[in-house]
Amino acid sequence: MAPSQFDFEEEFEETPIVTLWDEQGRSLDCYLDKEYTPPGRNALTYILLAPVDTPVMILAWEEEAEDEESDAFLIEDSEEIEKIFADAKAVLAELDLQLKFTAHTLTVSGELPPLEDDNVLSLEIDSEGQTTEEPEELQFLASFFFEDQKYSIYTPLAPLLFLATSDEDRKKIELLSPDDEELQPILEELLFDELEDQLDDGLE
C-alpha cells in the first residue's frame, strides 16, 4: 500500500500560521511546524514550515505515454506556468480542487481524491537540468493537453517543508537552503523533533 496523505488540517489545528512571500509578491500561508533556537547570545530562531494548502506540481512529459521510458520535467518557470495555469485550474476544478498560484509552490485547496496504489507514481524528476537523487512518490490528480504537449498534475506524498529563520515576532522570515552543509545540525535537530512527535502520535 502507498503511504497515506498527511492530514495537516487535523495535525496543525491550533498551530500558528506564517506567511511566506516571493519576489513577485505572491504569498503562501504555512503552519509553523517546528522551531529551534540554538544556545548562544542573539541566536537566530530556525523554523520548519508546512504549507496550509496541499502542494502540487505540474510535469511535462517528453513522450506521449507515461511509462518507464518517458522523461518527466518539472514546470518551474513562472511564465510557462502562467500559460498553462487556466487549463490546469479547469481540470482540477472537475475534482472540486482550487488551484492557487502561490509563492514557492503551486497549491490546491479542497479534499484530495482517495489515495489508491494505481494513482501513485515513483519518479525521478528532472528539475532545472538536474535529476532528483531518489525517486519521489507522487499522487496523480489530473492530466491535460496544451498546444499538443501533455501535462500531468501530482501532489507529493511526502510533506513539503521549508527551512527558514525568524525574528521574535515572526514578521521577518528568511528562507534557507536545506542543502547548506552548515545548516545540517540545525535541520537534523528540527527533523528529529518532528520524528519524535510522529512516533508519539503513533503510540497514542
N, C-alpha and C. Protein backbone atom coordinates (compact mmCIF):
# COMPACT_ATOMS: atom_id res chain seq x y z
N MET A 1 0.84 -1.21 0.00
CA MET A 1 0.00 0.00 0.00
C MET A 1 0.86 1.25 0.00
N ALA A 2 0.39 2.26 -0.65
CA ALA A 2 1.10 3.53 -0.64
C ALA A 2 0.85 4.24 0.67
N PRO A 3 1.80 5.06 1.14
CA PRO A 3 1.61 5.79 2.38
C PRO A 3 0.44 6.73 2.27
N SER A 4 -0.27 6.94 3.40
CA SER A 4 -1.44 7.80 3.39
C SER A 4 -1.02 9.26 3.33
N GLN A 5 -1.92 10.08 2.76
CA GLN A 5 -1.66 11.52 2.66
C GLN A 5 -1.74 12.13 4.06
N PHE A 6 -0.82 13.02 4.38
CA PHE A 6 -0.81 13.67 5.68
C PHE A 6 -2.03 14.56 5.83
N ASP A 7 -2.71 14.48 6.99
CA ASP A 7 -3.86 15.33 7.27
C ASP A 7 -3.37 16.51 8.08
N PHE A 8 -2.84 17.54 7.38
CA PHE A 8 -2.27 18.69 8.07
C PHE A 8 -3.32 19.47 8.83
N GLU A 9 -4.56 19.51 8.32
CA GLU A 9 -5.59 20.30 8.97
C GLU A 9 -5.79 19.84 10.39
N GLU A 10 -5.82 18.52 10.58
CA GLU A 10 -6.03 17.98 11.91
C GLU A 10 -4.77 18.12 12.76
N GLU A 11 -3.62 17.84 12.17
CA GLU A 11 -2.36 17.86 12.91
C GLU A 11 -2.01 19.26 13.40
N PHE A 12 -2.30 20.29 12.58
CA PHE A 12 -1.90 21.65 12.90
C PHE A 12 -3.08 22.55 13.28
N GLU A 13 -4.11 21.94 13.87
CA GLU A 13 -5.35 22.67 14.12
C GLU A 13 -5.13 23.96 14.91
N GLU A 14 -4.25 23.94 15.91
CA GLU A 14 -4.03 25.11 16.75
C GLU A 14 -2.62 25.68 16.57
N THR A 15 -2.00 25.39 15.43
CA THR A 15 -0.64 25.82 15.16
C THR A 15 -0.63 27.22 14.54
N PRO A 16 0.31 28.09 14.95
CA PRO A 16 0.41 29.43 14.33
C PRO A 16 0.64 29.33 12.83
N ILE A 17 0.15 30.33 12.11
CA ILE A 17 0.32 30.39 10.66
C ILE A 17 1.27 31.53 10.31
N VAL A 18 2.25 31.23 9.47
CA VAL A 18 3.24 32.20 9.00
C VAL A 18 3.07 32.36 7.49
N THR A 19 3.17 33.57 6.99
CA THR A 19 3.02 33.82 5.56
C THR A 19 4.37 34.08 4.91
N LEU A 20 4.68 33.28 3.88
CA LEU A 20 5.88 33.48 3.08
C LEU A 20 5.52 34.29 1.83
N TRP A 21 6.50 35.05 1.34
CA TRP A 21 6.31 35.85 0.13
C TRP A 21 7.44 35.57 -0.85
N ASP A 22 7.16 35.76 -2.14
CA ASP A 22 8.23 35.65 -3.12
C ASP A 22 8.46 37.00 -3.78
N GLU A 23 9.42 37.06 -4.70
CA GLU A 23 9.79 38.33 -5.32
C GLU A 23 8.69 38.90 -6.20
N GLN A 24 7.75 38.07 -6.61
CA GLN A 24 6.64 38.53 -7.45
C GLN A 24 5.45 39.00 -6.62
N GLY A 25 5.59 38.96 -5.30
CA GLY A 25 4.51 39.41 -4.43
C GLY A 25 3.47 38.35 -4.14
N ARG A 26 3.74 37.11 -4.55
CA ARG A 26 2.81 36.03 -4.24
C ARG A 26 3.04 35.56 -2.81
N SER A 27 1.99 35.07 -2.17
CA SER A 27 2.08 34.65 -0.77
C SER A 27 1.80 33.16 -0.64
N LEU A 28 2.24 32.60 0.48
CA LEU A 28 1.99 31.20 0.81
C LEU A 28 1.83 31.09 2.31
N ASP A 29 0.63 30.74 2.77
CA ASP A 29 0.40 30.54 4.19
C ASP A 29 0.93 29.18 4.61
N CYS A 30 1.68 29.16 5.71
CA CYS A 30 2.29 27.93 6.21
C CYS A 30 2.03 27.76 7.70
N TYR A 31 1.87 26.51 8.10
CA TYR A 31 1.84 26.21 9.52
C TYR A 31 3.27 26.24 10.07
N LEU A 32 3.43 26.76 11.28
CA LEU A 32 4.72 26.71 11.96
C LEU A 32 4.86 25.33 12.57
N ASP A 33 5.57 24.47 11.88
CA ASP A 33 5.68 23.06 12.28
C ASP A 33 6.59 22.89 13.48
N LYS A 34 7.82 23.39 13.37
CA LYS A 34 8.81 23.26 14.45
C LYS A 34 9.65 24.52 14.51
N GLU A 35 10.18 24.83 15.68
CA GLU A 35 11.13 25.93 15.81
C GLU A 35 12.23 25.53 16.78
N TYR A 36 13.41 26.09 16.55
CA TYR A 36 14.58 25.73 17.36
C TYR A 36 15.51 26.93 17.43
N THR A 37 15.88 27.31 18.64
CA THR A 37 16.83 28.39 18.86
C THR A 37 18.09 27.81 19.48
N PRO A 38 19.20 27.77 18.76
CA PRO A 38 20.44 27.22 19.31
C PRO A 38 20.91 28.04 20.51
N PRO A 39 21.64 27.41 21.42
CA PRO A 39 22.18 28.15 22.57
C PRO A 39 23.13 29.25 22.09
N GLY A 40 23.15 30.34 22.80
CA GLY A 40 24.06 31.42 22.45
C GLY A 40 23.35 32.75 22.41
N ARG A 41 24.11 33.79 22.61
CA ARG A 41 23.56 35.14 22.64
C ARG A 41 23.14 35.57 21.23
N ASN A 42 21.97 36.19 21.16
CA ASN A 42 21.44 36.70 19.90
C ASN A 42 21.33 35.61 18.83
N ALA A 43 21.06 34.38 19.29
CA ALA A 43 20.94 33.27 18.34
C ALA A 43 19.64 33.41 17.53
N LEU A 44 19.73 33.05 16.26
CA LEU A 44 18.55 33.08 15.40
C LEU A 44 17.62 31.93 15.76
N THR A 45 16.35 32.11 15.49
CA THR A 45 15.38 31.03 15.63
C THR A 45 15.16 30.40 14.26
N TYR A 46 15.36 29.09 14.20
CA TYR A 46 15.16 28.35 12.96
C TYR A 46 13.80 27.67 13.01
N ILE A 47 13.10 27.69 11.89
CA ILE A 47 11.75 27.14 11.87
C ILE A 47 11.54 26.23 10.67
N LEU A 48 10.66 25.26 10.85
CA LEU A 48 10.18 24.43 9.75
C LEU A 48 8.74 24.81 9.47
N LEU A 49 8.43 25.04 8.21
CA LEU A 49 7.10 25.49 7.82
C LEU A 49 6.48 24.49 6.85
N ALA A 50 5.18 24.22 7.04
CA ALA A 50 4.44 23.32 6.16
C ALA A 50 3.27 24.08 5.55
N PRO A 51 3.12 24.09 4.22
CA PRO A 51 2.02 24.83 3.59
C PRO A 51 0.66 24.42 4.13
N VAL A 52 -0.22 25.41 4.30
CA VAL A 52 -1.58 25.14 4.76
C VAL A 52 -2.35 24.35 3.71
N ASP A 53 -2.27 24.81 2.45
CA ASP A 53 -2.91 24.08 1.36
C ASP A 53 -1.99 22.99 0.83
N THR A 54 -2.52 22.13 0.01
CA THR A 54 -1.77 20.97 -0.49
C THR A 54 -0.85 21.37 -1.64
N PRO A 55 0.46 21.13 -1.51
CA PRO A 55 1.38 21.44 -2.61
C PRO A 55 1.13 20.52 -3.82
N VAL A 56 1.24 21.08 -5.00
CA VAL A 56 1.13 20.28 -6.22
C VAL A 56 2.24 20.70 -7.18
N MET A 57 2.50 19.83 -8.14
CA MET A 57 3.49 20.13 -9.17
C MET A 57 2.92 19.73 -10.52
N ILE A 58 3.35 20.45 -11.54
CA ILE A 58 2.93 20.14 -12.91
C ILE A 58 4.14 19.60 -13.66
N LEU A 59 3.98 18.42 -14.24
CA LEU A 59 5.05 17.78 -15.00
C LEU A 59 4.69 17.76 -16.48
N ALA A 60 5.69 17.98 -17.31
CA ALA A 60 5.53 17.83 -18.75
C ALA A 60 6.25 16.55 -19.17
N TRP A 61 5.61 15.80 -20.05
CA TRP A 61 6.16 14.52 -20.46
C TRP A 61 6.84 14.64 -21.82
N GLU A 62 8.03 14.04 -21.90
CA GLU A 62 8.77 14.07 -23.16
C GLU A 62 8.11 13.18 -24.20
N GLU A 63 7.53 12.08 -23.73
CA GLU A 63 6.83 11.16 -24.62
C GLU A 63 5.33 11.29 -24.36
N GLU A 64 4.54 10.75 -25.28
CA GLU A 64 3.09 10.84 -25.11
C GLU A 64 2.61 9.94 -23.99
N ALA A 65 3.23 8.79 -23.83
CA ALA A 65 2.77 7.83 -22.83
C ALA A 65 3.57 7.99 -21.56
N GLU A 66 2.90 7.82 -20.42
CA GLU A 66 3.58 7.87 -19.13
C GLU A 66 4.04 6.45 -18.79
N ASP A 67 5.24 6.10 -19.18
CA ASP A 67 5.75 4.78 -18.88
C ASP A 67 7.20 4.92 -18.47
N GLU A 68 7.86 3.78 -18.27
CA GLU A 68 9.22 3.79 -17.75
C GLU A 68 10.19 4.45 -18.72
N GLU A 69 9.82 4.51 -20.01
CA GLU A 69 10.71 5.10 -21.00
C GLU A 69 10.56 6.62 -21.08
N SER A 70 9.51 7.16 -20.48
CA SER A 70 9.23 8.58 -20.60
C SER A 70 10.02 9.38 -19.58
N ASP A 71 10.40 10.58 -19.97
CA ASP A 71 11.06 11.50 -19.05
C ASP A 71 10.08 12.61 -18.70
N ALA A 72 10.02 12.93 -17.41
CA ALA A 72 9.13 13.99 -16.95
C ALA A 72 9.96 15.18 -16.51
N PHE A 73 9.47 16.37 -16.83
CA PHE A 73 10.17 17.59 -16.47
C PHE A 73 9.25 18.46 -15.63
N LEU A 74 9.77 18.91 -14.51
CA LEU A 74 9.00 19.76 -13.63
C LEU A 74 8.89 21.16 -14.22
N ILE A 75 7.67 21.68 -14.30
CA ILE A 75 7.44 23.03 -14.81
C ILE A 75 7.64 24.01 -13.66
N GLU A 76 8.71 24.82 -13.75
CA GLU A 76 9.04 25.75 -12.67
C GLU A 76 9.03 27.21 -13.11
N ASP A 77 9.18 27.44 -14.41
CA ASP A 77 9.24 28.81 -14.91
C ASP A 77 7.88 29.49 -14.77
N SER A 78 7.86 30.67 -14.15
CA SER A 78 6.60 31.37 -13.88
C SER A 78 5.83 31.68 -15.16
N GLU A 79 6.54 32.09 -16.21
CA GLU A 79 5.86 32.43 -17.46
C GLU A 79 5.20 31.21 -18.08
N GLU A 80 5.88 30.06 -18.00
CA GLU A 80 5.29 28.83 -18.55
C GLU A 80 4.09 28.39 -17.73
N ILE A 81 4.20 28.54 -16.40
CA ILE A 81 3.06 28.19 -15.54
C ILE A 81 1.86 29.08 -15.86
N GLU A 82 2.11 30.37 -16.07
CA GLU A 82 1.02 31.29 -16.39
C GLU A 82 0.30 30.89 -17.68
N LYS A 83 1.05 30.38 -18.66
CA LYS A 83 0.45 29.99 -19.94
C LYS A 83 -0.52 28.83 -19.77
N ILE A 84 -0.18 27.88 -18.90
CA ILE A 84 -1.00 26.67 -18.77
C ILE A 84 -1.89 26.70 -17.53
N PHE A 85 -1.81 27.78 -16.75
CA PHE A 85 -2.49 27.82 -15.46
C PHE A 85 -4.01 27.66 -15.60
N ALA A 86 -4.60 28.36 -16.56
CA ALA A 86 -6.06 28.31 -16.72
C ALA A 86 -6.53 26.89 -17.03
N ASP A 87 -5.78 26.18 -17.89
CA ASP A 87 -6.16 24.80 -18.23
C ASP A 87 -5.99 23.88 -17.03
N ALA A 88 -4.88 24.06 -16.30
CA ALA A 88 -4.65 23.25 -15.11
C ALA A 88 -5.73 23.50 -14.06
N LYS A 89 -6.09 24.76 -13.90
CA LYS A 89 -7.12 25.11 -12.91
C LYS A 89 -8.47 24.50 -13.29
N ALA A 90 -8.79 24.51 -14.57
CA ALA A 90 -10.07 23.97 -15.03
C ALA A 90 -10.16 22.47 -14.80
N VAL A 91 -9.09 21.74 -15.11
CA VAL A 91 -9.15 20.28 -14.96
C VAL A 91 -9.19 19.89 -13.48
N LEU A 92 -8.55 20.67 -12.61
CA LEU A 92 -8.62 20.39 -11.17
C LEU A 92 -9.97 20.77 -10.59
N ALA A 93 -10.62 21.77 -11.18
CA ALA A 93 -11.95 22.17 -10.71
C ALA A 93 -12.94 21.02 -10.88
N GLU A 94 -12.71 20.15 -11.86
CA GLU A 94 -13.58 18.99 -12.05
C GLU A 94 -13.48 18.02 -10.87
N LEU A 95 -12.39 18.13 -10.10
CA LEU A 95 -12.21 17.31 -8.89
C LEU A 95 -12.57 18.10 -7.63
N ASP A 96 -13.20 19.27 -7.81
CA ASP A 96 -13.54 20.15 -6.68
C ASP A 96 -12.28 20.63 -5.95
N LEU A 97 -11.21 20.81 -6.70
CA LEU A 97 -9.97 21.35 -6.15
C LEU A 97 -9.71 22.72 -6.77
N GLN A 98 -9.28 23.67 -5.95
CA GLN A 98 -8.98 25.02 -6.45
C GLN A 98 -7.48 25.21 -6.52
N LEU A 99 -6.97 25.39 -7.73
CA LEU A 99 -5.54 25.60 -7.93
C LEU A 99 -5.18 27.05 -7.62
N LYS A 100 -4.07 27.23 -6.88
CA LYS A 100 -3.63 28.57 -6.50
C LYS A 100 -2.18 28.77 -6.93
N PHE A 101 -1.90 29.94 -7.50
CA PHE A 101 -0.55 30.30 -7.92
C PHE A 101 0.14 30.96 -6.73
N THR A 102 0.53 30.16 -5.76
CA THR A 102 1.11 30.66 -4.52
C THR A 102 2.62 30.77 -4.62
N ALA A 103 3.23 31.39 -3.63
CA ALA A 103 4.68 31.57 -3.60
C ALA A 103 5.38 30.24 -3.38
N HIS A 104 6.47 30.03 -4.09
CA HIS A 104 7.40 28.92 -3.87
C HIS A 104 6.86 27.55 -4.30
N THR A 105 5.56 27.39 -4.38
CA THR A 105 4.97 26.14 -4.86
C THR A 105 3.53 26.39 -5.25
N LEU A 106 3.05 25.69 -6.25
CA LEU A 106 1.62 25.71 -6.53
C LEU A 106 0.90 24.92 -5.44
N THR A 107 -0.32 25.31 -5.13
CA THR A 107 -1.09 24.59 -4.11
C THR A 107 -2.53 24.43 -4.58
N VAL A 108 -3.23 23.49 -3.93
CA VAL A 108 -4.67 23.35 -4.15
C VAL A 108 -5.37 23.30 -2.80
N SER A 109 -6.57 23.85 -2.78
CA SER A 109 -7.43 23.70 -1.61
C SER A 109 -8.59 22.79 -2.00
N GLY A 110 -9.12 22.09 -1.01
CA GLY A 110 -10.18 21.12 -1.27
C GLY A 110 -9.73 19.73 -0.86
N GLU A 111 -10.65 18.80 -0.89
CA GLU A 111 -10.36 17.43 -0.46
C GLU A 111 -9.79 16.63 -1.62
N LEU A 112 -8.62 16.04 -1.39
CA LEU A 112 -7.98 15.24 -2.43
C LEU A 112 -8.76 13.95 -2.68
N PRO A 113 -8.68 13.41 -3.90
CA PRO A 113 -9.29 12.10 -4.17
C PRO A 113 -8.65 11.04 -3.27
N PRO A 114 -9.36 9.94 -3.01
CA PRO A 114 -8.79 8.85 -2.21
C PRO A 114 -7.47 8.37 -2.81
N LEU A 115 -6.53 8.05 -1.94
CA LEU A 115 -5.22 7.59 -2.40
C LEU A 115 -5.30 6.11 -2.75
N GLU A 116 -4.99 5.78 -4.00
CA GLU A 116 -5.01 4.40 -4.46
C GLU A 116 -3.66 4.06 -5.07
N ASP A 117 -3.28 2.79 -4.94
CA ASP A 117 -1.98 2.36 -5.45
C ASP A 117 -1.82 2.67 -6.94
N ASP A 118 -2.90 2.53 -7.70
CA ASP A 118 -2.83 2.75 -9.14
C ASP A 118 -2.53 4.20 -9.49
N ASN A 119 -2.76 5.11 -8.55
CA ASN A 119 -2.54 6.53 -8.80
C ASN A 119 -1.26 7.06 -8.19
N VAL A 120 -0.39 6.16 -7.75
CA VAL A 120 0.88 6.56 -7.15
C VAL A 120 2.01 6.30 -8.14
N LEU A 121 2.81 7.32 -8.35
CA LEU A 121 3.93 7.23 -9.29
C LEU A 121 5.23 7.48 -8.56
N SER A 122 6.20 6.60 -8.76
CA SER A 122 7.54 6.81 -8.23
C SER A 122 8.41 7.29 -9.38
N LEU A 123 8.92 8.52 -9.24
CA LEU A 123 9.53 9.16 -10.41
C LEU A 123 10.75 9.97 -10.02
N GLU A 124 11.81 9.86 -10.85
CA GLU A 124 12.96 10.74 -10.74
C GLU A 124 12.67 11.98 -11.57
N ILE A 125 12.56 13.12 -10.92
CA ILE A 125 12.11 14.34 -11.59
C ILE A 125 13.29 15.17 -12.05
N ASP A 126 13.23 15.61 -13.29
CA ASP A 126 14.24 16.50 -13.86
C ASP A 126 13.85 17.93 -13.52
N SER A 127 14.65 18.57 -12.63
CA SER A 127 14.37 19.93 -12.20
C SER A 127 15.55 20.82 -12.50
N GLU A 128 15.35 21.83 -13.36
CA GLU A 128 16.40 22.77 -13.74
C GLU A 128 17.65 22.05 -14.22
N GLY A 129 17.44 21.02 -15.05
CA GLY A 129 18.56 20.31 -15.64
C GLY A 129 19.18 19.25 -14.76
N GLN A 130 18.68 19.09 -13.54
CA GLN A 130 19.21 18.09 -12.62
C GLN A 130 18.11 17.11 -12.25
N THR A 131 18.49 15.84 -12.14
CA THR A 131 17.54 14.81 -11.77
C THR A 131 17.64 14.53 -10.28
N THR A 132 16.49 14.35 -9.63
CA THR A 132 16.49 14.06 -8.20
C THR A 132 17.27 12.79 -7.91
N GLU A 133 18.01 12.79 -6.79
CA GLU A 133 18.85 11.65 -6.44
C GLU A 133 18.00 10.41 -6.16
N GLU A 134 16.85 10.59 -5.52
CA GLU A 134 15.98 9.47 -5.21
C GLU A 134 14.60 9.74 -5.80
N PRO A 135 13.93 8.68 -6.26
CA PRO A 135 12.59 8.88 -6.82
C PRO A 135 11.63 9.47 -5.78
N GLU A 136 10.76 10.34 -6.25
CA GLU A 136 9.71 10.89 -5.39
C GLU A 136 8.43 10.11 -5.62
N GLU A 137 7.67 9.88 -4.54
CA GLU A 137 6.37 9.25 -4.68
C GLU A 137 5.32 10.34 -4.80
N LEU A 138 4.53 10.26 -5.87
CA LEU A 138 3.57 11.30 -6.19
C LEU A 138 2.18 10.69 -6.39
N GLN A 139 1.16 11.42 -5.96
CA GLN A 139 -0.22 11.01 -6.21
C GLN A 139 -0.74 11.75 -7.43
N PHE A 140 -1.21 10.99 -8.40
CA PHE A 140 -1.74 11.58 -9.63
C PHE A 140 -3.09 12.24 -9.35
N LEU A 141 -3.26 13.44 -9.91
CA LEU A 141 -4.53 14.15 -9.77
C LEU A 141 -5.25 14.31 -11.11
N ALA A 142 -4.54 14.80 -12.13
CA ALA A 142 -5.20 15.05 -13.41
C ALA A 142 -4.16 15.27 -14.51
N SER A 143 -4.60 15.12 -15.76
CA SER A 143 -3.77 15.41 -16.93
C SER A 143 -4.53 16.32 -17.88
N PHE A 144 -3.78 17.05 -18.69
CA PHE A 144 -4.40 17.90 -19.71
C PHE A 144 -3.38 18.17 -20.81
N PHE A 145 -3.87 18.65 -21.94
CA PHE A 145 -3.00 19.00 -23.07
C PHE A 145 -3.05 20.50 -23.31
N PHE A 146 -1.91 21.05 -23.65
CA PHE A 146 -1.83 22.46 -24.04
C PHE A 146 -0.84 22.55 -25.20
N GLU A 147 -1.34 23.01 -26.35
CA GLU A 147 -0.52 23.12 -27.56
C GLU A 147 0.23 21.81 -27.85
N ASP A 148 -0.53 20.70 -27.83
CA ASP A 148 -0.04 19.36 -28.17
C ASP A 148 0.96 18.80 -27.16
N GLN A 149 1.16 19.48 -26.05
CA GLN A 149 2.06 18.98 -25.00
C GLN A 149 1.21 18.42 -23.87
N LYS A 150 1.56 17.22 -23.42
CA LYS A 150 0.82 16.61 -22.31
C LYS A 150 1.43 17.03 -20.98
N TYR A 151 0.56 17.43 -20.06
CA TYR A 151 0.96 17.80 -18.71
C TYR A 151 0.18 16.95 -17.71
N SER A 152 0.82 16.65 -16.58
CA SER A 152 0.15 15.93 -15.50
C SER A 152 0.37 16.67 -14.19
N ILE A 153 -0.65 16.63 -13.36
CA ILE A 153 -0.60 17.32 -12.07
C ILE A 153 -0.54 16.28 -10.96
N TYR A 154 0.43 16.43 -10.08
CA TYR A 154 0.64 15.49 -8.98
C TYR A 154 0.79 16.26 -7.67
N THR A 155 0.54 15.55 -6.58
CA THR A 155 0.89 16.07 -5.27
C THR A 155 1.87 15.09 -4.62
N PRO A 156 2.95 15.57 -4.02
CA PRO A 156 3.92 14.66 -3.39
C PRO A 156 3.33 14.02 -2.14
N LEU A 157 3.64 12.74 -1.93
CA LEU A 157 3.15 12.06 -0.74
C LEU A 157 3.90 12.50 0.51
N ALA A 158 5.18 12.79 0.36
CA ALA A 158 5.96 13.29 1.50
C ALA A 158 5.62 14.75 1.72
N PRO A 159 5.52 15.18 2.97
CA PRO A 159 5.18 16.58 3.24
C PRO A 159 6.27 17.52 2.76
N LEU A 160 5.87 18.65 2.20
CA LEU A 160 6.81 19.69 1.77
C LEU A 160 7.08 20.60 2.96
N LEU A 161 8.35 20.74 3.33
CA LEU A 161 8.73 21.57 4.47
C LEU A 161 9.74 22.62 4.01
N PHE A 162 9.59 23.83 4.53
CA PHE A 162 10.52 24.92 4.25
C PHE A 162 11.34 25.21 5.50
N LEU A 163 12.65 25.36 5.33
CA LEU A 163 13.54 25.74 6.42
C LEU A 163 13.78 27.25 6.33
N ALA A 164 13.64 27.93 7.47
CA ALA A 164 13.78 29.39 7.46
C ALA A 164 14.27 29.88 8.81
N THR A 165 14.67 31.15 8.85
CA THR A 165 14.95 31.82 10.12
C THR A 165 13.84 32.83 10.37
N SER A 166 13.65 33.15 11.65
CA SER A 166 12.56 34.04 12.01
C SER A 166 12.99 34.97 13.14
N ASP A 167 12.43 36.21 13.12
CA ASP A 167 12.63 37.08 14.27
C ASP A 167 11.59 36.72 15.34
N GLU A 168 11.65 37.41 16.47
CA GLU A 168 10.79 37.06 17.60
C GLU A 168 9.31 37.21 17.26
N ASP A 169 8.98 38.21 16.44
CA ASP A 169 7.57 38.46 16.10
C ASP A 169 7.11 37.69 14.87
N ARG A 170 8.01 36.92 14.27
CA ARG A 170 7.73 36.14 13.06
C ARG A 170 7.27 37.04 11.91
N LYS A 171 7.79 38.25 11.88
CA LYS A 171 7.46 39.17 10.80
C LYS A 171 8.55 39.19 9.73
N LYS A 172 9.77 38.81 10.11
CA LYS A 172 10.87 38.77 9.16
C LYS A 172 11.30 37.31 9.00
N ILE A 173 10.88 36.73 7.89
CA ILE A 173 11.16 35.32 7.61
C ILE A 173 12.12 35.24 6.43
N GLU A 174 13.19 34.48 6.60
CA GLU A 174 14.16 34.31 5.52
C GLU A 174 14.33 32.82 5.23
N LEU A 175 13.99 32.43 4.00
CA LEU A 175 14.13 31.03 3.62
C LEU A 175 15.59 30.65 3.47
N LEU A 176 15.89 29.40 3.84
CA LEU A 176 17.25 28.88 3.77
C LEU A 176 17.27 27.63 2.90
N SER A 177 18.44 27.31 2.39
CA SER A 177 18.58 26.08 1.61
C SER A 177 18.86 24.90 2.54
N PRO A 178 18.05 23.85 2.48
CA PRO A 178 18.30 22.68 3.32
C PRO A 178 19.56 21.92 2.91
N ASP A 179 20.12 22.26 1.73
CA ASP A 179 21.33 21.59 1.25
C ASP A 179 22.61 22.24 1.79
N ASP A 180 22.48 23.37 2.48
CA ASP A 180 23.64 24.05 3.05
C ASP A 180 24.23 23.18 4.16
N GLU A 181 25.50 22.76 3.98
CA GLU A 181 26.12 21.85 4.94
C GLU A 181 26.20 22.45 6.34
N GLU A 182 26.39 23.76 6.43
CA GLU A 182 26.50 24.41 7.74
C GLU A 182 25.18 24.35 8.52
N LEU A 183 24.09 24.16 7.81
CA LEU A 183 22.78 24.12 8.46
C LEU A 183 22.33 22.70 8.80
N GLN A 184 23.13 21.71 8.44
CA GLN A 184 22.71 20.33 8.67
C GLN A 184 22.42 20.02 10.14
N PRO A 185 23.26 20.47 11.09
CA PRO A 185 22.94 20.19 12.50
C PRO A 185 21.60 20.80 12.92
N ILE A 186 21.30 22.00 12.42
CA ILE A 186 20.03 22.66 12.73
C ILE A 186 18.87 21.86 12.14
N LEU A 187 19.02 21.48 10.88
CA LEU A 187 17.96 20.73 10.20
C LEU A 187 17.74 19.39 10.88
N GLU A 188 18.81 18.73 11.27
CA GLU A 188 18.68 17.44 11.95
C GLU A 188 17.95 17.60 13.28
N GLU A 189 18.23 18.68 14.00
CA GLU A 189 17.55 18.93 15.27
C GLU A 189 16.05 19.11 15.05
N LEU A 190 15.68 19.89 14.04
CA LEU A 190 14.27 20.12 13.75
C LEU A 190 13.57 18.85 13.28
N LEU A 191 14.23 18.10 12.40
CA LEU A 191 13.63 16.88 11.88
C LEU A 191 13.55 15.80 12.95
N PHE A 192 14.51 15.79 13.88
CA PHE A 192 14.46 14.83 14.98
C PHE A 192 13.24 15.10 15.85
N ASP A 193 12.98 16.37 16.13
CA ASP A 193 11.78 16.72 16.90
C ASP A 193 10.52 16.31 16.15
N GLU A 194 10.53 16.50 14.83
CA GLU A 194 9.39 16.12 14.00
C GLU A 194 9.15 14.62 14.08
N LEU A 195 10.23 13.83 13.98
CA LEU A 195 10.12 12.38 14.04
C LEU A 195 9.62 11.93 15.40
N GLU A 196 10.12 12.56 16.47
CA GLU A 196 9.67 12.22 17.82
C GLU A 196 8.17 12.44 17.96
N ASP A 197 7.69 13.55 17.43
CA ASP A 197 6.26 13.85 17.52
C ASP A 197 5.43 12.82 16.77
N GLN A 198 5.92 12.40 15.60
CA GLN A 198 5.20 11.40 14.82
C GLN A 198 5.16 10.07 15.56
N LEU A 199 6.27 9.71 16.20
CA LEU A 199 6.31 8.47 16.97
C LEU A 199 5.37 8.54 18.17
N ASP A 200 5.36 9.70 18.83
CA ASP A 200 4.46 9.87 19.98
C ASP A 200 3.01 9.77 19.55
N ASP A 201 2.68 10.37 18.39
CA ASP A 201 1.31 10.30 17.89
C ASP A 201 0.92 8.87 17.57
N GLY A 202 1.89 8.10 17.08
CA GLY A 202 1.60 6.72 16.73
C GLY A 202 1.36 5.84 17.93
N LEU A 203 1.91 6.24 19.09
CA LEU A 203 1.73 5.45 20.31
C LEU A 203 0.45 5.80 21.05
N GLU A 204 -0.15 6.93 20.70
CA GLU A 204 -1.36 7.36 21.40
C GLU A 204 -2.57 6.55 20.95
